[in-house]
């Protein structure tokens, strides 16, 4: 039996796949070692082993996680998984590889993550071959939930929303300037908080200003990242994550404007990853 995890900054999906191919799925809070304290992952591992998967003894654990881009951050996760399942072979990998495997399978392409954060990679059907640097939510994360949330908050505080949209946002948020700024600058998970405002944007995505904000963010993402890969016009561009899924029409418009080849849109990659690893059993 193998256990597979796909973890973003907001939520994590777990799948266990038995030798006979049977699979089951559970969910925990997400974890990103770049922005989250270690204690958060400890709490979710306790919930996982005690409540969600009691008695499970996986032979292998394949963990694809946001922020797992160097040995130090991978080790934080690996140590805790090994403590929970000492006999398991633990492989901690960047969520980019998981996105590529889920979206592209064994076919070449460009895989993109558009969730709380954003990232991209070029994929040869087996491994990641190139990655335009992701600078995180403070300096980058173009096209992501946190990027969209920041743009909406700027538009609100700079009085750029029309009266109808402004009233709708104030009714939705029900918080004042000081509360918002405290959560942005003092929260342990400011990127997740910023991304939470995309729910409002999704509910009002027919509004011209929301469409403009989202289109501009996606255009910047495609120009700064996707279009930097050699041969980007000749391979499909596939997407993983809730932002790409829920704002798909606007993203497609930005892609068509740039003559990019549309690949797959995968809302929840854990099922595709389960299929990928099931084929390797």
C-alpha atoms as a PDB file:
ATOM      1  CA  UNK A   1       0.000   0.000   0.000  1.00  0.00           C
ATOM      2  CA  UNK A   2       1.225   3.496  -0.814  1.00  0.00           C
ATOM      3  CA  UNK A   3       0.147   6.853   0.574  1.00  0.00           C
ATOM      4  CA  UNK A   4       0.173   9.944  -1.640  1.00  0.00           C
ATOM      5  CA  UNK A   5      -0.135  13.551  -0.514  1.00  0.00           C
ATOM      6  CA  UNK A   6      -0.721  16.701  -2.524  1.00  0.00           C
ATOM      7  CA  UNK A   7      -0.308  19.690  -0.222  1.00  0.00           C
ATOM      8  CA  UNK A   8      -0.723  23.348  -1.011  1.00  0.00           C
ATOM      9  CA  UNK A   9      -0.591  26.224   1.434  1.00  0.00           C
ATOM     10  CA  UNK A  10      -4.300  26.040   2.221  1.00  0.00           C
ATOM     11  CA  UNK A  11      -5.274  22.369   2.077  1.00  0.00           C
ATOM     12  CA  UNK A  12      -3.759  18.936   1.628  1.00  0.00           C
ATOM     13  CA  UNK A  13      -5.315  15.918  -0.049  1.00  0.00           C
ATOM     14  CA  UNK A  14      -4.176  12.408   0.864  1.00  0.00           C
ATOM     15  CA  UNK A  15      -4.831   9.178  -1.029  1.00  0.00           C
ATOM     16  CA  UNK A  16      -3.927   5.648  -0.103  1.00  0.00           C
ATOM     17  CA  UNK A  17      -3.721   3.124  -2.899  1.00  0.00           C
ATOM     18  CA  UNK A  18      -3.799  -0.620  -2.164  1.00  0.00           C
ATOM     19  CA  UNK A  19      -2.111  -3.317  -4.240  1.00  0.00           C
ATOM     20  CA  UNK A  20      -5.439  -4.265  -5.781  1.00  0.00           C
ATOM     21  CA  UNK A  21      -5.832  -0.682  -7.021  1.00  0.00           C
ATOM     22  CA  UNK A  22      -8.475   0.350  -4.506  1.00  0.00           C
ATOM     23  CA  UNK A  23      -8.057   3.916  -3.301  1.00  0.00           C
ATOM     24  CA  UNK A  24      -9.482   6.216  -0.637  1.00  0.00           C
ATOM     25  CA  UNK A  25      -9.101   9.934   0.052  1.00  0.00           C
ATOM     26  CA  UNK A  26      -8.883  12.141   3.158  1.00  0.00           C
ATOM     27  CA  UNK A  27      -8.115  15.829   3.672  1.00  0.00           C
ATOM     28  CA  UNK A  28      -6.152  17.975   6.127  1.00  0.00           C
ATOM     29  CA  UNK A  29      -5.029  21.576   6.306  1.00  0.00           C
ATOM     30  CA  UNK A  30      -2.245  22.461   3.907  1.00  0.00           C
ATOM     31  CA  UNK A  31       1.331  23.135   4.888  1.00  0.00           C
ATOM     32  CA  UNK A  32       4.069  25.213   3.301  1.00  0.00           C
ATOM     33  CA  UNK A  33       7.419  25.090   5.142  1.00  0.00           C
ATOM     34  CA  UNK A  34       8.353  28.476   3.718  1.00  0.00           C
ATOM     35  CA  UNK A  35       5.547  30.373   5.446  1.00  0.00           C
ATOM     36  CA  UNK A  36       4.067  28.041   8.094  1.00  0.00           C
ATOM     37  CA  UNK A  37       5.426  27.062  11.531  1.00  0.00           C
ATOM     38  CA  UNK A  38       6.419  23.412  12.021  1.00  0.00           C
ATOM     39  CA  UNK A  39       3.773  23.055  14.702  1.00  0.00           C
ATOM     40  CA  UNK A  40       1.030  23.329  12.084  1.00  0.00           C
ATOM     41  CA  UNK A  41       2.282  20.228  10.289  1.00  0.00           C
ATOM     42  CA  UNK A  42       2.656  18.404  13.617  1.00  0.00           C
ATOM     43  CA  UNK A  43      -1.016  19.079  14.385  1.00  0.00           C
ATOM     44  CA  UNK A  44      -2.171  17.834  10.981  1.00  0.00           C
ATOM     45  CA  UNK A  45      -0.029  14.688  11.221  1.00  0.00           C
ATOM     46  CA  UNK A  46      -1.614  13.879  14.589  1.00  0.00           C
ATOM     47  CA  UNK A  47      -5.053  14.323  13.083  1.00  0.00           C
ATOM     48  CA  UNK A  48      -4.079  12.160  10.120  1.00  0.00           C
ATOM     49  CA  UNK A  49      -2.633   9.236  12.069  1.00  0.00           C
ATOM     50  CA  UNK A  50      -5.042   9.351  15.014  1.00  0.00           C
ATOM     51  CA  UNK A  51      -8.388  10.222  13.423  1.00  0.00           C
ATOM     52  CA  UNK A  52      -8.296   9.928   9.634  1.00  0.00           C
ATOM     53  CA  UNK A  53      -6.018   6.966   8.940  1.00  0.00           C
ATOM     54  CA  UNK A  54      -5.684   5.046  12.223  1.00  0.00           C
ATOM     55  CA  UNK A  55      -3.725   1.823  11.925  1.00  0.00           C
ATOM     56  CA  UNK A  56      -2.524   2.530   8.394  1.00  0.00           C
ATOM     57  CA  UNK A  57       0.911   1.070   7.600  1.00  0.00           C
ATOM     58  CA  UNK A  58       2.007   2.316   4.180  1.00  0.00           C
ATOM     59  CA  UNK A  59       5.030   0.793   2.494  1.00  0.00           C
ATOM     60  CA  UNK A  60       5.717   4.087   0.698  1.00  0.00           C
ATOM     61  CA  UNK A  61       4.713   7.722   1.199  1.00  0.00           C
ATOM     62  CA  UNK A  62       4.922  10.067  -1.787  1.00  0.00           C
ATOM     63  CA  UNK A  63       4.491  13.647  -0.587  1.00  0.00           C
ATOM     64  CA  UNK A  64       4.201  16.503  -3.094  1.00  0.00           C
ATOM     65  CA  UNK A  65       4.253  19.823  -1.264  1.00  0.00           C
ATOM     66  CA  UNK A  66       4.276  23.575  -1.779  1.00  0.00           C
ATOM     67  CA  UNK A  67       7.572  25.115  -0.694  1.00  0.00           C
ATOM     68  CA  UNK A  68       9.462  21.800  -0.835  1.00  0.00           C
ATOM     69  CA  UNK A  69      12.211  23.121  -3.058  1.00  0.00           C
ATOM     70  CA  UNK A  70      15.354  22.384  -1.031  1.00  0.00           C
ATOM     71  CA  UNK A  71      16.729  19.728   1.300  1.00  0.00           C
ATOM     72  CA  UNK A  72      16.118  21.720   4.494  1.00  0.00           C
ATOM     73  CA  UNK A  73      12.404  22.209   3.861  1.00  0.00           C
ATOM     74  CA  UNK A  74      11.903  18.687   2.566  1.00  0.00           C
ATOM     75  CA  UNK A  75      13.549  17.310   5.685  1.00  0.00           C
ATOM     76  CA  UNK A  76      11.076  19.096   7.964  1.00  0.00           C
ATOM     77  CA  UNK A  77       8.300  17.074   6.372  1.00  0.00           C
ATOM     78  CA  UNK A  78      10.239  13.858   5.879  1.00  0.00           C
ATOM     79  CA  UNK A  79      11.245  13.666   9.559  1.00  0.00           C
ATOM     80  CA  UNK A  80       7.653  13.964  10.733  1.00  0.00           C
ATOM     81  CA  UNK A  81       6.271  11.455   8.253  1.00  0.00           C
ATOM     82  CA  UNK A  82       9.025   8.978   9.148  1.00  0.00           C
ATOM     83  CA  UNK A  83       8.202   9.416  12.832  1.00  0.00           C
ATOM     84  CA  UNK A  84       4.576   8.502  12.106  1.00  0.00           C
ATOM     85  CA  UNK A  85       5.409   5.532   9.844  1.00  0.00           C
ATOM     86  CA  UNK A  86       8.968   4.385  10.652  1.00  0.00           C
ATOM     87  CA  UNK A  87       8.909   1.450   8.253  1.00  0.00           C
ATOM     88  CA  UNK A  88       7.720   3.428   5.235  1.00  0.00           C
ATOM     89  CA  UNK A  89       9.903   4.655   2.404  1.00  0.00           C
ATOM     90  CA  UNK A  90       9.336   8.425   2.379  1.00  0.00           C
ATOM     91  CA  UNK A  91       9.773  10.568  -0.726  1.00  0.00           C
ATOM     92  CA  UNK A  92       9.176  14.321  -0.347  1.00  0.00           C
ATOM     93  CA  UNK A  93       8.994  16.177  -3.646  1.00  0.00           C
ATOM     94  CA  UNK A  94       8.114  19.642  -4.870  1.00  0.00           C
ATOM     95  CA  UNK A  95       4.458  20.141  -5.737  1.00  0.00           C
ATOM     96  CA  UNK A  96       5.587  21.132  -9.228  1.00  0.00           C
ATOM     97  CA  UNK A  97       6.479  17.526 -10.004  1.00  0.00           C
ATOM     98  CA  UNK A  98       3.112  16.459  -8.631  1.00  0.00           C
ATOM     99  CA  UNK A  99       1.367  19.052 -10.792  1.00  0.00           C
ATOM    100  CA  UNK A 100       3.233  17.888 -13.883  1.00  0.00           C
ATOM    101  CA  UNK A 101       2.480  14.223 -13.238  1.00  0.00           C
ATOM    102  CA  UNK A 102      -1.183  14.953 -12.515  1.00  0.00           C
ATOM    103  CA  UNK A 103      -1.734  17.264 -15.481  1.00  0.00           C
ATOM    104  CA  UNK A 104       0.576  15.775 -18.101  1.00  0.00           C
ATOM    105  CA  UNK A 105       0.998  12.142 -17.086  1.00  0.00           C
ATOM    106  CA  UNK A 106       3.842  10.862 -19.244  1.00  0.00           C
ATOM    107  CA  UNK A 107       3.445  13.495 -21.985  1.00  0.00           C
ATOM    108  CA  UNK A 108       5.630  16.612 -22.386  1.00  0.00           C
ATOM    109  CA  UNK A 109       4.109  19.977 -21.598  1.00  0.00           C
ATOM    110  CA  UNK A 110       4.146  23.013 -19.349  1.00  0.00           C
ATOM    111  CA  UNK A 111       2.447  22.504 -15.995  1.00  0.00           C
ATOM    112  CA  UNK A 112       1.120  25.439 -13.987  1.00  0.00           C
ATOM    113  CA  UNK A 113      -0.113  25.717 -10.414  1.00  0.00           C
ATOM    114  CA  UNK A 114      -2.706  28.402  -9.745  1.00  0.00           C
ATOM    115  CA  UNK A 115      -3.988  28.047  -6.215  1.00  0.00           C
ATOM    116  CA  UNK A 116      -3.154  30.039  -3.101  1.00  0.00           C
ATOM    117  CA  UNK A 117       0.261  30.489  -4.723  1.00  0.00           C
ATOM    118  CA  UNK A 118       1.495  30.001  -8.275  1.00  0.00           C
ATOM    119  CA  UNK A 119       4.321  28.193 -10.015  1.00  0.00           C
ATOM    120  CA  UNK A 120       5.229  26.672 -13.362  1.00  0.00           C
ATOM    121  CA  UNK A 121       7.564  24.129 -14.886  1.00  0.00           C
ATOM    122  CA  UNK A 122       8.542  22.584 -18.166  1.00  0.00           C
ATOM    123  CA  UNK A 123       8.051  18.803 -18.125  1.00  0.00           C
ATOM    124  CA  UNK A 124       9.486  16.226 -20.530  1.00  0.00           C
ATOM    125  CA  UNK A 125       7.046  13.450 -19.651  1.00  0.00           C
ATOM    126  CA  UNK A 126       9.265  12.096 -16.910  1.00  0.00           C
ATOM    127  CA  UNK A 127      10.739  14.921 -14.876  1.00  0.00           C
ATOM    128  CA  UNK A 128      10.800  18.691 -14.462  1.00  0.00           C
ATOM    129  CA  UNK A 129      13.351  20.149 -16.870  1.00  0.00           C
ATOM    130  CA  UNK A 130      13.025  23.884 -16.211  1.00  0.00           C
ATOM    131  CA  UNK A 131      11.410  26.215 -13.710  1.00  0.00           C
ATOM    132  CA  UNK A 132      11.067  29.983 -13.914  1.00  0.00           C
ATOM    133  CA  UNK A 133      11.833  31.203 -10.407  1.00  0.00           C
ATOM    134  CA  UNK A 134       8.847  31.609  -8.101  1.00  0.00           C
ATOM    135  CA  UNK A 135       9.379  34.499  -5.683  1.00  0.00           C
ATOM    136  CA  UNK A 136       6.488  33.759  -3.316  1.00  0.00           C
ATOM    137  CA  UNK A 137       3.522  35.894  -2.362  1.00  0.00           C
ATOM    138  CA  UNK A 138       5.507  38.964  -1.274  1.00  0.00           C
ATOM    139  CA  UNK A 139       7.399  39.419  -4.545  1.00  0.00           C
ATOM    140  CA  UNK A 140       5.630  37.191  -7.034  1.00  0.00           C
ATOM    141  CA  UNK A 141       2.894  34.533  -7.145  1.00  0.00           C
ATOM    142  CA  UNK A 142       1.345  36.229 -10.155  1.00  0.00           C
ATOM    143  CA  UNK A 143      -2.049  34.774 -11.068  1.00  0.00           C
ATOM    144  CA  UNK A 144      -2.505  33.127  -7.683  1.00  0.00           C
ATOM    145  CA  UNK A 145      -5.211  33.527  -5.074  1.00  0.00           C
ATOM    146  CA  UNK A 146      -2.982  35.690  -2.903  1.00  0.00           C
ATOM    147  CA  UNK A 147      -2.082  37.882  -5.907  1.00  0.00           C
ATOM    148  CA  UNK A 148      -5.761  38.339  -6.772  1.00  0.00           C
ATOM    149  CA  UNK A 149      -6.647  39.047  -3.145  1.00  0.00           C
ATOM    150  CA  UNK A 150      -4.029  41.792  -2.926  1.00  0.00           C
ATOM    151  CA  UNK A 151      -5.323  43.367  -6.119  1.00  0.00           C
ATOM    152  CA  UNK A 152      -8.887  43.377  -4.821  1.00  0.00           C
ATOM    153  CA  UNK A 153      -7.891  44.917  -1.480  1.00  0.00           C
ATOM    154  CA  UNK A 154      -5.887  47.624  -3.244  1.00  0.00           C
ATOM    155  CA  UNK A 155      -8.850  48.445  -5.454  1.00  0.00           C
ATOM    156  CA  UNK A 156     -11.123  48.622  -2.414  1.00  0.00           C
ATOM    157  CA  UNK A 157      -8.916  50.826  -0.248  1.00  0.00           C
ATOM    158  CA  UNK A 158      -7.901  53.053  -3.184  1.00  0.00           C
ATOM    159  CA  UNK A 159     -11.645  53.650  -3.858  1.00  0.00           C
ATOM    160  CA  UNK A 160     -11.586  52.083  -7.307  1.00  0.00           C
ATOM    161  CA  UNK A 161     -14.685  49.897  -6.845  1.00  0.00           C
ATOM    162  CA  UNK A 162     -18.000  51.243  -8.069  1.00  0.00           C
ATOM    163  CA  UNK A 163     -20.729  51.787  -5.492  1.00  0.00           C
ATOM    164  CA  UNK A 164     -22.491  48.489  -6.112  1.00  0.00           C
ATOM    165  CA  UNK A 165     -19.329  46.384  -5.889  1.00  0.00           C
ATOM    166  CA  UNK A 166     -18.015  48.389  -2.944  1.00  0.00           C
ATOM    167  CA  UNK A 167     -21.233  47.836  -0.965  1.00  0.00           C
ATOM    168  CA  UNK A 168     -21.214  44.138  -1.827  1.00  0.00           C
ATOM    169  CA  UNK A 169     -17.608  43.773  -0.647  1.00  0.00           C
ATOM    170  CA  UNK A 170     -18.232  45.580   2.630  1.00  0.00           C
ATOM    171  CA  UNK A 171     -21.233  43.364   3.294  1.00  0.00           C
ATOM    172  CA  UNK A 172     -19.155  40.295   2.430  1.00  0.00           C
ATOM    173  CA  UNK A 173     -16.058  41.185   4.448  1.00  0.00           C
ATOM    174  CA  UNK A 174     -17.737  42.834   7.454  1.00  0.00           C
ATOM    175  CA  UNK A 175     -14.343  44.017   8.695  1.00  0.00           C
ATOM    176  CA  UNK A 176     -12.576  47.345   8.782  1.00  0.00           C
ATOM    177  CA  UNK A 177      -9.199  48.538   7.568  1.00  0.00           C
ATOM    178  CA  UNK A 178      -7.320  47.866  10.801  1.00  0.00           C
ATOM    179  CA  UNK A 179      -8.531  44.260  10.999  1.00  0.00           C
ATOM    180  CA  UNK A 180      -7.556  43.563   7.392  1.00  0.00           C
ATOM    181  CA  UNK A 181      -4.107  45.102   7.772  1.00  0.00           C
ATOM    182  CA  UNK A 182      -3.502  43.240  11.025  1.00  0.00           C
ATOM    183  CA  UNK A 183      -4.334  39.943   9.335  1.00  0.00           C
ATOM    184  CA  UNK A 184      -2.095  40.737   6.376  1.00  0.00           C
ATOM    185  CA  UNK A 185       0.926  41.940   8.331  1.00  0.00           C
ATOM    186  CA  UNK A 186       0.674  39.984  11.577  1.00  0.00           C
ATOM    187  CA  UNK A 187      -0.927  36.668  10.580  1.00  0.00           C
ATOM    188  CA  UNK A 188       1.146  33.481  10.394  1.00  0.00           C
ATOM    189  CA  UNK A 189      -0.530  32.701   7.054  1.00  0.00           C
ATOM    190  CA  UNK A 190      -1.047  36.041   5.237  1.00  0.00           C
ATOM    191  CA  UNK A 191      -1.004  34.410   1.788  1.00  0.00           C
ATOM    192  CA  UNK A 192      -3.905  32.151   2.754  1.00  0.00           C
ATOM    193  CA  UNK A 193      -5.816  35.113   4.173  1.00  0.00           C
ATOM    194  CA  UNK A 194      -5.311  37.148   1.010  1.00  0.00           C
ATOM    195  CA  UNK A 195      -6.431  34.223  -1.137  1.00  0.00           C
ATOM    196  CA  UNK A 196      -9.655  33.926   0.876  1.00  0.00           C
ATOM    197  CA  UNK A 197     -10.998  37.014  -0.913  1.00  0.00           C
ATOM    198  CA  UNK A 198     -11.105  35.129  -4.222  1.00  0.00           C
ATOM    199  CA  UNK A 199     -14.394  33.604  -3.076  1.00  0.00           C
ATOM    200  CA  UNK A 200     -15.943  37.059  -3.305  1.00  0.00           C
ATOM    201  CA  UNK A 201     -14.285  37.587  -6.681  1.00  0.00           C
ATOM    202  CA  UNK A 202     -15.671  34.281  -7.916  1.00  0.00           C
ATOM    203  CA  UNK A 203     -19.174  35.280  -6.874  1.00  0.00           C
ATOM    204  CA  UNK A 204     -18.816  38.545  -8.822  1.00  0.00           C
ATOM    205  CA  UNK A 205     -16.632  37.487 -11.745  1.00  0.00           C
ATOM    206  CA  UNK A 206     -19.199  38.808 -14.235  1.00  0.00           C
ATOM    207  CA  UNK A 207     -18.440  42.337 -12.982  1.00  0.00           C
ATOM    208  CA  UNK A 208     -16.166  44.212 -15.442  1.00  0.00           C
ATOM    209  CA  UNK A 209     -13.717  45.368 -12.764  1.00  0.00           C
ATOM    210  CA  UNK A 210     -13.322  41.863 -11.319  1.00  0.00           C
ATOM    211  CA  UNK A 211     -12.763  40.544 -14.836  1.00  0.00           C
ATOM    212  CA  UNK A 212     -10.145  43.223 -15.409  1.00  0.00           C
ATOM    213  CA  UNK A 213      -8.302  42.408 -12.164  1.00  0.00           C
ATOM    214  CA  UNK A 214      -8.303  38.683 -12.857  1.00  0.00           C
ATOM    215  CA  UNK A 215      -7.349  39.037 -16.527  1.00  0.00           C
ATOM    216  CA  UNK A 216      -4.477  41.398 -15.669  1.00  0.00           C
ATOM    217  CA  UNK A 217      -3.168  38.992 -13.035  1.00  0.00           C
ATOM    218  CA  UNK A 218      -3.372  36.003 -15.401  1.00  0.00           C
ATOM    219  CA  UNK A 219      -1.744  37.970 -18.217  1.00  0.00           C
ATOM    220  CA  UNK A 220       1.151  38.874 -15.941  1.00  0.00           C
ATOM    221  CA  UNK A 221       1.466  35.216 -14.917  1.00  0.00           C
ATOM    222  CA  UNK A 222       1.583  34.010 -18.513  1.00  0.00           C
ATOM    223  CA  UNK A 223       4.018  36.729 -19.623  1.00  0.00           C
ATOM    224  CA  UNK A 224       6.390  36.451 -16.674  1.00  0.00           C
ATOM    225  CA  UNK A 225       6.412  32.679 -16.450  1.00  0.00           C
ATOM    226  CA  UNK A 226       4.816  30.521 -19.156  1.00  0.00           C
ATOM    227  CA  UNK A 227       6.143  32.491 -22.126  1.00  0.00           C
ATOM    228  CA  UNK A 228       9.713  32.250 -20.809  1.00  0.00           C
ATOM    229  CA  UNK A 229       9.975  28.519 -21.598  1.00  0.00           C
ATOM    230  CA  UNK A 230      11.641  27.486 -24.820  1.00  0.00           C
ATOM    231  CA  UNK A 231       9.098  25.994 -27.203  1.00  0.00           C
ATOM    232  CA  UNK A 232       6.117  27.207 -25.160  1.00  0.00           C
ATOM    233  CA  UNK A 233       4.011  27.680 -28.295  1.00  0.00           C
ATOM    234  CA  UNK A 234       4.383  24.052 -29.317  1.00  0.00           C
ATOM    235  CA  UNK A 235       3.299  22.180 -26.192  1.00  0.00           C
ATOM    236  CA  UNK A 236       0.040  22.130 -24.207  1.00  0.00           C
ATOM    237  CA  UNK A 237      -0.188  24.380 -21.144  1.00  0.00           C
ATOM    238  CA  UNK A 238      -1.992  22.548 -18.327  1.00  0.00           C
ATOM    239  CA  UNK A 239      -3.259  23.895 -15.021  1.00  0.00           C
ATOM    240  CA  UNK A 240      -3.679  22.605 -11.501  1.00  0.00           C
ATOM    241  CA  UNK A 241      -5.548  24.370  -8.718  1.00  0.00           C
ATOM    242  CA  UNK A 242      -8.768  26.047  -7.689  1.00  0.00           C
ATOM    243  CA  UNK A 243      -7.979  29.490  -9.135  1.00  0.00           C
ATOM    244  CA  UNK A 244      -7.391  28.149 -12.635  1.00  0.00           C
ATOM    245  CA  UNK A 245     -10.488  25.964 -12.349  1.00  0.00           C
ATOM    246  CA  UNK A 246     -12.927  28.600 -11.074  1.00  0.00           C
ATOM    247  CA  UNK A 247     -11.686  31.433 -13.320  1.00  0.00           C
ATOM    248  CA  UNK A 248     -11.141  29.235 -16.372  1.00  0.00           C
ATOM    249  CA  UNK A 249     -12.999  31.422 -18.917  1.00  0.00           C
ATOM    250  CA  UNK A 250     -10.858  34.461 -18.078  1.00  0.00           C
ATOM    251  CA  UNK A 251      -7.670  32.396 -18.119  1.00  0.00           C
ATOM    252  CA  UNK A 252      -8.601  30.946 -21.511  1.00  0.00           C
ATOM    253  CA  UNK A 253      -9.123  34.458 -22.867  1.00  0.00           C
ATOM    254  CA  UNK A 254      -5.634  35.462 -21.737  1.00  0.00           C
ATOM    255  CA  UNK A 255      -4.185  32.293 -23.275  1.00  0.00           C
ATOM    256  CA  UNK A 256      -5.967  32.744 -26.605  1.00  0.00           C
ATOM    257  CA  UNK A 257      -4.686  36.316 -26.782  1.00  0.00           C
ATOM    258  CA  UNK A 258      -1.153  34.855 -26.640  1.00  0.00           C
ATOM    259  CA  UNK A 259      -1.778  31.898 -28.999  1.00  0.00           C
ATOM    260  CA  UNK A 260      -0.997  29.380 -26.276  1.00  0.00           C
ATOM    261  CA  UNK A 261      -2.036  25.747 -26.664  1.00  0.00           C
ATOM    262  CA  UNK A 262      -4.613  24.714 -24.044  1.00  0.00           C
ATOM    263  CA  UNK A 263      -3.945  21.505 -22.143  1.00  0.00           C
ATOM    264  CA  UNK A 264      -5.816  20.005 -19.190  1.00  0.00           C
ATOM    265  CA  UNK A 265      -7.467  21.804 -16.286  1.00  0.00           C
ATOM    266  CA  UNK A 266      -7.288  19.695 -13.130  1.00  0.00           C
ATOM    267  CA  UNK A 267      -9.177  20.959 -10.094  1.00  0.00           C
ATOM    268  CA  UNK A 268      -7.980  18.343  -7.608  1.00  0.00           C
ATOM    269  CA  UNK A 269      -4.761  16.637  -8.694  1.00  0.00           C
ATOM    270  CA  UNK A 270      -4.844  13.965  -5.978  1.00  0.00           C
ATOM    271  CA  UNK A 271      -7.066  11.670  -8.055  1.00  0.00           C
ATOM    272  CA  UNK A 272      -4.791  12.015 -11.083  1.00  0.00           C
ATOM    273  CA  UNK A 273      -1.754  11.373  -8.873  1.00  0.00           C
ATOM    274  CA  UNK A 274      -3.430   8.274  -7.451  1.00  0.00           C
ATOM    275  CA  UNK A 275      -3.928   7.037 -11.012  1.00  0.00           C
ATOM    276  CA  UNK A 276      -0.295   7.841 -11.860  1.00  0.00           C
ATOM    277  CA  UNK A 277       1.062   5.862  -8.923  1.00  0.00           C
ATOM    278  CA  UNK A 278      -1.480   3.084  -9.347  1.00  0.00           C
ATOM    279  CA  UNK A 279       0.031   2.503 -12.766  1.00  0.00           C
ATOM    280  CA  UNK A 280       3.449   2.116 -11.167  1.00  0.00           C
ATOM    281  CA  UNK A 281       2.394  -0.459  -8.572  1.00  0.00           C
END
